[in-house]
């Protein structure tokens, strides 16, 4: 699941930029702390989307029941997901 790993790396970089870098109060222009917050938001959204995409594939499995009737025929019946 590469999406989860990329999301965690982006979140870590965003956290470092937000809390690990200090700036003076009178600096103008580029605010590195806002970049950190934006990266953390993008990472959180990416993580949630990755989990939503991969979870149904791993959790959803088809179940079927196979039985023989009295005449010797084999029948298979789909009973849904679990």
PDB file of N, CA and C in Angstrom:
ATOM      1  N   UNK A   1       0.832  -1.171   0.000  1.00  0.00           N
ATOM      2  CA  UNK A   1       0.000   0.000   0.000  1.00  0.00           C
ATOM      3  C   UNK A   1       0.880   1.239   0.000  1.00  0.00           C
ATOM      4  N   UNK A   2       1.311   1.685  -1.159  1.00  0.00           N
ATOM      5  CA  UNK A   2       2.221   2.816  -1.211  1.00  0.00           C
ATOM      6  C   UNK A   2       1.564   4.123  -0.793  1.00  0.00           C
ATOM      7  N   UNK A   3       0.269   4.272  -0.928  1.00  0.00           N
ATOM      8  CA  UNK A   3      -0.404   5.512  -0.556  1.00  0.00           C
ATOM      9  C   UNK A   3      -0.293   5.817   0.921  1.00  0.00           C
ATOM     10  N   UNK A   4      -0.332   4.791   1.752  1.00  0.00           N
ATOM     11  CA  UNK A   4      -0.226   5.001   3.196  1.00  0.00           C
ATOM     12  C   UNK A   4       1.179   5.460   3.556  1.00  0.00           C
ATOM     13  N   UNK A   5       2.200   4.857   2.965  1.00  0.00           N
ATOM     14  CA  UNK A   5       3.573   5.256   3.244  1.00  0.00           C
ATOM     15  C   UNK A   5       3.859   6.677   2.810  1.00  0.00           C
ATOM     16  N   UNK A   6       3.384   7.056   1.635  1.00  0.00           N
ATOM     17  CA  UNK A   6       3.582   8.430   1.150  1.00  0.00           C
ATOM     18  C   UNK A   6       2.857   9.414   2.056  1.00  0.00           C
ATOM     19  N   UNK A   7       1.661   9.067   2.497  1.00  0.00           N
ATOM     20  CA  UNK A   7       0.915   9.947   3.397  1.00  0.00           C
ATOM     21  C   UNK A   7       1.640  10.139   4.717  1.00  0.00           C
ATOM     22  N   UNK A   8       2.210   9.076   5.253  1.00  0.00           N
ATOM     23  CA  UNK A   8       2.938   9.207   6.515  1.00  0.00           C
ATOM     24  C   UNK A   8       4.193  10.057   6.361  1.00  0.00           C
ATOM     25  N   UNK A   9       4.893   9.917   5.247  1.00  0.00           N
ATOM     26  CA  UNK A   9       6.091  10.739   5.010  1.00  0.00           C
ATOM     27  C   UNK A   9       5.701  12.208   4.865  1.00  0.00           C
ATOM     28  N   UNK A  10       4.638  12.484   4.105  1.00  0.00           N
ATOM     29  CA  UNK A  10       4.186  13.868   3.960  1.00  0.00           C
ATOM     30  C   UNK A  10       3.759  14.457   5.297  1.00  0.00           C
ATOM     31  N   UNK A  11       3.092  13.652   6.114  1.00  0.00           N
ATOM     32  CA  UNK A  11       2.668  14.141   7.422  1.00  0.00           C
ATOM     33  C   UNK A  11       3.875  14.456   8.299  1.00  0.00           C
ATOM     34  N   UNK A  12       4.891  13.602   8.259  1.00  0.00           N
ATOM     35  CA  UNK A  12       6.093  13.845   9.062  1.00  0.00           C
ATOM     36  C   UNK A  12       6.821  15.105   8.600  1.00  0.00           C
ATOM     37  N   UNK A  13       6.944  15.294   7.293  1.00  0.00           N
ATOM     38  CA  UNK A  13       7.599  16.503   6.775  1.00  0.00           C
ATOM     39  C   UNK A  13       6.800  17.742   7.162  1.00  0.00           C
ATOM     40  N   UNK A  14       5.485  17.657   7.053  1.00  0.00           N
ATOM     41  CA  UNK A  14       4.641  18.784   7.451  1.00  0.00           C
ATOM     42  C   UNK A  14       4.766  19.109   8.927  1.00  0.00           C
ATOM     43  N   UNK A  15       4.838  18.085   9.766  1.00  0.00           N
ATOM     44  CA  UNK A  15       4.987  18.320  11.202  1.00  0.00           C
ATOM     45  C   UNK A  15       6.340  18.957  11.511  1.00  0.00           C
ATOM     46  N   UNK A  16       7.395  18.523  10.825  1.00  0.00           N
ATOM     47  CA  UNK A  16       8.710  19.121  11.032  1.00  0.00           C
ATOM     48  C   UNK A  16       8.697  20.583  10.612  1.00  0.00           C
ATOM     49  N   UNK A  17       8.094  20.882   9.465  1.00  0.00           N
ATOM     50  CA  UNK A  17       8.038  22.263   9.009  1.00  0.00           C
ATOM     51  C   UNK A  17       7.185  23.131   9.924  1.00  0.00           C
ATOM     52  N   UNK A  18       6.149  22.554  10.503  1.00  0.00           N
ATOM     53  CA  UNK A  18       5.258  23.341  11.352  1.00  0.00           C
ATOM     54  C   UNK A  18       5.840  23.575  12.744  1.00  0.00           C
ATOM     55  N   UNK A  19       6.327  22.528  13.387  1.00  0.00           N
ATOM     56  CA  UNK A  19       6.761  22.661  14.772  1.00  0.00           C
ATOM     57  C   UNK A  19       8.276  22.662  14.952  1.00  0.00           C
ATOM     58  N   UNK A  20       9.017  22.232  13.959  1.00  0.00           N
ATOM     59  CA  UNK A  20      10.462  22.141  14.116  1.00  0.00           C
ATOM     60  C   UNK A  20      11.233  23.342  13.599  1.00  0.00           C
ATOM     61  N   UNK A  21      10.593  24.211  12.842  1.00  0.00           N
ATOM     62  CA  UNK A  21      11.256  25.371  12.265  1.00  0.00           C
ATOM     63  C   UNK A  21      10.680  26.616  12.922  1.00  0.00           C
ATOM     64  N   UNK A  22      11.551  27.464  13.426  1.00  0.00           N
ATOM     65  CA  UNK A  22      11.094  28.709  14.041  1.00  0.00           C
ATOM     66  C   UNK A  22      11.392  29.879  13.116  1.00  0.00           C
ATOM     67  N   UNK A  23      10.529  30.881  13.181  1.00  0.00           N
ATOM     68  CA  UNK A  23      10.676  32.085  12.368  1.00  0.00           C
ATOM     69  C   UNK A  23      10.497  33.308  13.253  1.00  0.00           C
ATOM     70  N   UNK A  24      11.076  34.393  12.814  1.00  0.00           N
ATOM     71  CA  UNK A  24      10.875  35.647  13.519  1.00  0.00           C
ATOM     72  C   UNK A  24       9.493  36.214  13.222  1.00  0.00           C
ATOM     73  N   UNK A  25       8.944  37.014  14.125  1.00  0.00           N
ATOM     74  CA  UNK A  25       7.583  37.531  13.931  1.00  0.00           C
ATOM     75  C   UNK A  25       7.485  38.591  12.835  1.00  0.00           C
ATOM     76  N   UNK A  26       8.611  39.183  12.434  1.00  0.00           N
ATOM     77  CA  UNK A  26       8.549  40.279  11.459  1.00  0.00           C
ATOM     78  C   UNK A  26       9.045  39.874  10.077  1.00  0.00           C
ATOM     79  N   UNK A  27       9.103  38.612   9.802  1.00  0.00           N
ATOM     80  CA  UNK A  27       9.512  38.170   8.474  1.00  0.00           C
ATOM     81  C   UNK A  27       8.307  38.223   7.538  1.00  0.00           C
ATOM     82  N   UNK A  28       8.559  38.634   6.308  1.00  0.00           N
ATOM     83  CA  UNK A  28       7.483  38.771   5.332  1.00  0.00           C
ATOM     84  C   UNK A  28       7.618  37.708   4.256  1.00  0.00           C
ATOM     85  N   UNK A  29       6.520  37.434   3.573  1.00  0.00           N
ATOM     86  CA  UNK A  29       6.557  36.529   2.441  1.00  0.00           C
ATOM     87  C   UNK A  29       6.200  35.101   2.800  1.00  0.00           C
ATOM     88  N   UNK A  30       7.085  34.201   2.496  1.00  0.00           N
ATOM     89  CA  UNK A  30       6.878  32.760   2.593  1.00  0.00           C
ATOM     90  C   UNK A  30       6.819  32.313   4.053  1.00  0.00           C
ATOM     91  N   UNK A  31       5.699  31.722   4.481  1.00  0.00           N
ATOM     92  CA  UNK A  31       5.555  31.243   5.854  1.00  0.00           C
ATOM     93  C   UNK A  31       5.677  29.719   5.854  1.00  0.00           C
ATOM     94  N   UNK A  32       6.788  29.237   6.370  1.00  0.00           N
ATOM     95  CA  UNK A  32       7.080  27.799   6.351  1.00  0.00           C
ATOM     96  C   UNK A  32       6.118  27.015   7.243  1.00  0.00           C
ATOM     97  N   UNK A  33       5.583  27.646   8.289  1.00  0.00           N
ATOM     98  CA  UNK A  33       4.645  26.958   9.171  1.00  0.00           C
ATOM     99  C   UNK A  33       3.325  26.663   8.455  1.00  0.00           C
ATOM    100  N   UNK A  34       2.885  27.587   7.609  1.00  0.00           N
ATOM    101  CA  UNK A  34       1.661  27.325   6.841  1.00  0.00           C
ATOM    102  C   UNK A  34       1.873  26.190   5.852  1.00  0.00           C
ATOM    103  N   UNK A  35       3.067  26.096   5.276  1.00  0.00           N
ATOM    104  CA  UNK A  35       3.376  24.989   4.376  1.00  0.00           C
ATOM    105  C   UNK A  35       3.290  23.666   5.138  1.00  0.00           C
ATOM    106  N   UNK A  36       3.785  23.651   6.376  1.00  0.00           N
ATOM    107  CA  UNK A  36       3.703  22.441   7.199  1.00  0.00           C
ATOM    108  C   UNK A  36       2.272  22.019   7.460  1.00  0.00           C
ATOM    109  N   UNK A  37       1.407  22.981   7.756  1.00  0.00           N
ATOM    110  CA  UNK A  37      -0.004  22.658   8.008  1.00  0.00           C
ATOM    111  C   UNK A  37      -0.661  22.131   6.734  1.00  0.00           C
ATOM    112  N   UNK A  38      -0.373  22.757   5.607  1.00  0.00           N
ATOM    113  CA  UNK A  38      -0.948  22.305   4.344  1.00  0.00           C
ATOM    114  C   UNK A  38      -0.488  20.880   4.027  1.00  0.00           C
ATOM    115  N   UNK A  39       0.787  20.574   4.234  1.00  0.00           N
ATOM    116  CA  UNK A  39       1.286  19.222   3.981  1.00  0.00           C
ATOM    117  C   UNK A  39       0.613  18.196   4.891  1.00  0.00           C
ATOM    118  N   UNK A  40       0.386  18.564   6.159  1.00  0.00           N
ATOM    119  CA  UNK A  40      -0.276  17.628   7.070  1.00  0.00           C
ATOM    120  C   UNK A  40      -1.720  17.388   6.665  1.00  0.00           C
ATOM    121  N   UNK A  41      -2.408  18.408   6.186  1.00  0.00           N
ATOM    122  CA  UNK A  41      -3.793  18.234   5.744  1.00  0.00           C
ATOM    123  C   UNK A  41      -3.839  17.333   4.507  1.00  0.00           C
ATOM    124  N   UNK A  42      -2.943  17.587   3.550  1.00  0.00           N
ATOM    125  CA  UNK A  42      -2.898  16.753   2.340  1.00  0.00           C
ATOM    126  C   UNK A  42      -2.566  15.303   2.699  1.00  0.00           C
ATOM    127  N   UNK A  43      -1.648  15.120   3.635  1.00  0.00           N
ATOM    128  CA  UNK A  43      -1.277  13.765   4.048  1.00  0.00           C
ATOM    129  C   UNK A  43      -2.442  13.053   4.734  1.00  0.00           C
ATOM    130  N   UNK A  44      -3.174  13.767   5.580  1.00  0.00           N
ATOM    131  CA  UNK A  44      -4.313  13.150   6.265  1.00  0.00           C
ATOM    132  C   UNK A  44      -5.395  12.742   5.269  1.00  0.00           C
ATOM    133  N   UNK A  45      -5.670  13.594   4.294  1.00  0.00           N
ATOM    134  CA  UNK A  45      -6.664  13.259   3.274  1.00  0.00           C
ATOM    135  C   UNK A  45      -6.190  12.060   2.448  1.00  0.00           C
ATOM    136  N   UNK A  46      -4.907  12.047   2.084  1.00  0.00           N
ATOM    137  CA  UNK A  46      -4.365  10.929   1.323  1.00  0.00           C
ATOM    138  C   UNK A  46      -4.424   9.622   2.097  1.00  0.00           C
ATOM    139  N   UNK A  47      -4.162   9.689   3.396  1.00  0.00           N
ATOM    140  CA  UNK A  47      -4.226   8.490   4.230  1.00  0.00           C
ATOM    141  C   UNK A  47      -5.651   7.946   4.307  1.00  0.00           C
ATOM    142  N   UNK A  48      -6.610   8.828   4.511  1.00  0.00           N
ATOM    143  CA  UNK A  48      -8.005   8.392   4.599  1.00  0.00           C
ATOM    144  C   UNK A  48      -8.469   7.790   3.271  1.00  0.00           C
ATOM    145  N   UNK A  49      -8.112   8.450   2.157  1.00  0.00           N
ATOM    146  CA  UNK A  49      -8.509   7.919   0.855  1.00  0.00           C
ATOM    147  C   UNK A  49      -7.844   6.574   0.569  1.00  0.00           C
ATOM    148  N   UNK A  50      -6.591   6.420   0.965  1.00  0.00           N
ATOM    149  CA  UNK A  50      -5.905   5.140   0.763  1.00  0.00           C
ATOM    150  C   UNK A  50      -6.571   4.029   1.569  1.00  0.00           C
ATOM    151  N   UNK A  51      -6.910   4.327   2.807  1.00  0.00           N
ATOM    152  CA  UNK A  51      -7.570   3.319   3.638  1.00  0.00           C
ATOM    153  C   UNK A  51      -8.946   2.966   3.096  1.00  0.00           C
ATOM    154  N   UNK A  52      -9.694   3.963   2.626  1.00  0.00           N
ATOM    155  CA  UNK A  52     -11.013   3.684   2.063  1.00  0.00           C
ATOM    156  C   UNK A  52     -10.917   2.888   0.768  1.00  0.00           C
ATOM    157  N   UNK A  53      -9.862   3.117  -0.010  1.00  0.00           N
ATOM    158  CA  UNK A  53      -9.699   2.393  -1.264  1.00  0.00           C
ATOM    159  C   UNK A  53      -9.298   0.946  -1.023  1.00  0.00           C
ATOM    160  N   UNK A  54      -8.380   0.709  -0.090  1.00  0.00           N
ATOM    161  CA  UNK A  54      -7.855  -0.644   0.120  1.00  0.00           C
ATOM    162  C   UNK A  54      -8.713  -1.491   1.041  1.00  0.00           C
ATOM    163  N   UNK A  55      -9.462  -0.889   1.954  1.00  0.00           N
ATOM    164  CA  UNK A  55     -10.216  -1.676   2.920  1.00  0.00           C
ATOM    165  C   UNK A  55     -11.283  -2.554   2.267  1.00  0.00           C
ATOM    166  N   UNK A  56     -12.086  -2.047   1.342  1.00  0.00           N
ATOM    167  CA  UNK A  56     -13.099  -2.944   0.756  1.00  0.00           C
ATOM    168  C   UNK A  56     -12.493  -4.129   0.014  1.00  0.00           C
ATOM    169  N   UNK A  57     -11.328  -3.962  -0.573  1.00  0.00           N
ATOM    170  CA  UNK A  57     -10.712  -5.065  -1.302  1.00  0.00           C
ATOM    171  C   UNK A  57     -10.240  -6.176  -0.369  1.00  0.00           C
ATOM    172  N   UNK A  58      -9.786  -5.811   0.802  1.00  0.00           N
ATOM    173  CA  UNK A  58      -9.285  -6.820   1.731  1.00  0.00           C
ATOM    174  C   UNK A  58     -10.384  -7.376   2.625  1.00  0.00           C
ATOM    175  N   UNK A  59     -11.413  -6.603   2.877  1.00  0.00           N
ATOM    176  CA  UNK A  59     -12.469  -7.046   3.786  1.00  0.00           C
ATOM    177  C   UNK A  59     -13.575  -7.816   3.070  1.00  0.00           C
ATOM    178  N   UNK A  60     -13.765  -7.531   1.786  1.00  0.00           N
ATOM    179  CA  UNK A  60     -14.885  -8.128   1.065  1.00  0.00           C
ATOM    180  C   UNK A  60     -14.462  -9.452   0.438  1.00  0.00           C
ATOM    181  N   UNK A  61     -15.105 -10.497   0.831  1.00  0.00           N
ATOM    182  CA  UNK A  61     -14.868 -11.823   0.255  1.00  0.00           C
ATOM    183  C   UNK A  61     -16.215 -12.445  -0.040  1.00  0.00           C
ATOM    184  N   UNK A  62     -16.294 -13.121  -1.128  1.00  0.00           N
ATOM    185  CA  UNK A  62     -17.548 -13.760  -1.507  1.00  0.00           C
ATOM    186  C   UNK A  62     -17.628 -15.137  -0.841  1.00  0.00           C
ATOM    187  N   UNK A  63     -18.803 -15.452  -0.365  1.00  0.00           N
ATOM    188  CA  UNK A  63     -19.043 -16.779   0.201  1.00  0.00           C
ATOM    189  C   UNK A  63     -20.061 -17.493  -0.662  1.00  0.00           C
ATOM    190  N   UNK A  64     -19.854 -18.750  -0.859  1.00  0.00           N
ATOM    191  CA  UNK A  64     -20.831 -19.548  -1.593  1.00  0.00           C
ATOM    192  C   UNK A  64     -21.009 -20.880  -0.872  1.00  0.00           C
ATOM    193  N   UNK A  65     -22.192 -21.400  -1.018  1.00  0.00           N
ATOM    194  CA  UNK A  65     -22.523 -22.687  -0.422  1.00  0.00           C
ATOM    195  C   UNK A  65     -22.737 -23.691  -1.545  1.00  0.00           C
ATOM    196  N   UNK A  66     -22.088 -24.842  -1.431  1.00  0.00           N
ATOM    197  CA  UNK A  66     -22.236 -25.898  -2.428  1.00  0.00           C
ATOM    198  C   UNK A  66     -22.919 -27.090  -1.764  1.00  0.00           C
ATOM    199  N   UNK A  67     -23.901 -27.617  -2.441  1.00  0.00           N
ATOM    200  CA  UNK A  67     -24.627 -28.775  -1.891  1.00  0.00           C
ATOM    201  C   UNK A  67     -25.086 -29.686  -3.029  1.00  0.00           C
ATOM    202  N   UNK A  68     -25.398 -30.913  -2.681  1.00  0.00           N
ATOM    203  CA  UNK A  68     -25.916 -31.891  -3.640  1.00  0.00           C
ATOM    204  C   UNK A  68     -27.405 -32.089  -3.382  1.00  0.00           C
ATOM    205  N   UNK A  69     -28.125 -32.117  -4.472  1.00  0.00           N
ATOM    206  CA  UNK A  69     -29.540 -32.415  -4.301  1.00  0.00           C
ATOM    207  C   UNK A  69     -29.763 -33.929  -4.359  1.00  0.00           C
ATOM    208  N   UNK A  70     -30.975 -34.367  -4.213  1.00  0.00           N
ATOM    209  CA  UNK A  70     -31.274 -35.792  -4.179  1.00  0.00           C
ATOM    210  C   UNK A  70     -31.021 -36.523  -5.488  1.00  0.00           C
ATOM    211  N   UNK A  71     -30.960 -35.796  -6.609  1.00  0.00           N
ATOM    212  CA  UNK A  71     -30.790 -36.441  -7.911  1.00  0.00           C
ATOM    213  C   UNK A  71     -29.318 -36.551  -8.297  1.00  0.00           C
ATOM    214  N   UNK A  72     -28.386 -36.148  -7.434  1.00  0.00           N
ATOM    215  CA  UNK A  72     -26.969 -36.275  -7.718  1.00  0.00           C
ATOM    216  C   UNK A  72     -26.343 -35.045  -8.357  1.00  0.00           C
ATOM    217  N   UNK A  73     -27.095 -33.960  -8.470  1.00  0.00           N
ATOM    218  CA  UNK A  73     -26.559 -32.726  -9.049  1.00  0.00           C
ATOM    219  C   UNK A  73     -25.923 -31.857  -7.963  1.00  0.00           C
ATOM    220  N   UNK A  74     -24.871 -31.146  -8.329  1.00  0.00           N
ATOM    221  CA  UNK A  74     -24.196 -30.240  -7.397  1.00  0.00           C
ATOM    222  C   UNK A  74     -24.642 -28.822  -7.709  1.00  0.00           C
ATOM    223  N   UNK A  75     -25.075 -28.113  -6.678  1.00  0.00           N
ATOM    224  CA  UNK A  75     -25.524 -26.730  -6.828  1.00  0.00           C
ATOM    225  C   UNK A  75     -24.624 -25.824  -5.993  1.00  0.00           C
ATOM    226  N   UNK A  76     -24.393 -24.632  -6.512  1.00  0.00           N
ATOM    227  CA  UNK A  76     -23.624 -23.627  -5.786  1.00  0.00           C
ATOM    228  C   UNK A  76     -24.487 -22.391  -5.643  1.00  0.00           C
ATOM    229  N   UNK A  77     -24.509 -21.826  -4.449  1.00  0.00           N
ATOM    230  CA  UNK A  77     -25.365 -20.692  -4.165  1.00  0.00           C
ATOM    231  C   UNK A  77     -24.540 -19.583  -3.522  1.00  0.00           C
ATOM    232  N   UNK A  78     -24.654 -18.382  -4.068  1.00  0.00           N
ATOM    233  CA  UNK A  78     -23.932 -17.236  -3.525  1.00  0.00           C
ATOM    234  C   UNK A  78     -24.726 -16.678  -2.349  1.00  0.00           C
ATOM    235  N   UNK A  79     -24.066 -16.566  -1.183  1.00  0.00           N
ATOM    236  CA  UNK A  79     -24.750 -16.081   0.000  1.00  0.00           C
ATOM    237  C   UNK A  79     -24.280 -14.688   0.403  1.00  0.00           C
ATOM    238  N   UNK A  80     -23.551 -13.986  -0.452  1.00  0.00           N
ATOM    239  CA  UNK A  80     -23.174 -12.615  -0.185  1.00  0.00           C
ATOM    240  C   UNK A  80     -21.766 -12.466   0.381  1.00  0.00           C
ATOM    241  N   UNK A  81     -21.564 -11.298   0.992  1.00  0.00           N
ATOM    242  CA  UNK A  81     -20.248 -10.968   1.543  1.00  0.00           C
ATOM    243  C   UNK A  81     -20.289 -10.971   3.051  1.00  0.00           C
ATOM    244  N   UNK A  82     -19.115 -11.023   3.634  1.00  0.00           N
ATOM    245  CA  UNK A  82     -19.012 -10.906   5.100  1.00  0.00           C
ATOM    246  C   UNK A  82     -17.867 -10.034   5.453  1.00  0.00           C
TER     247      UNK A  82
END
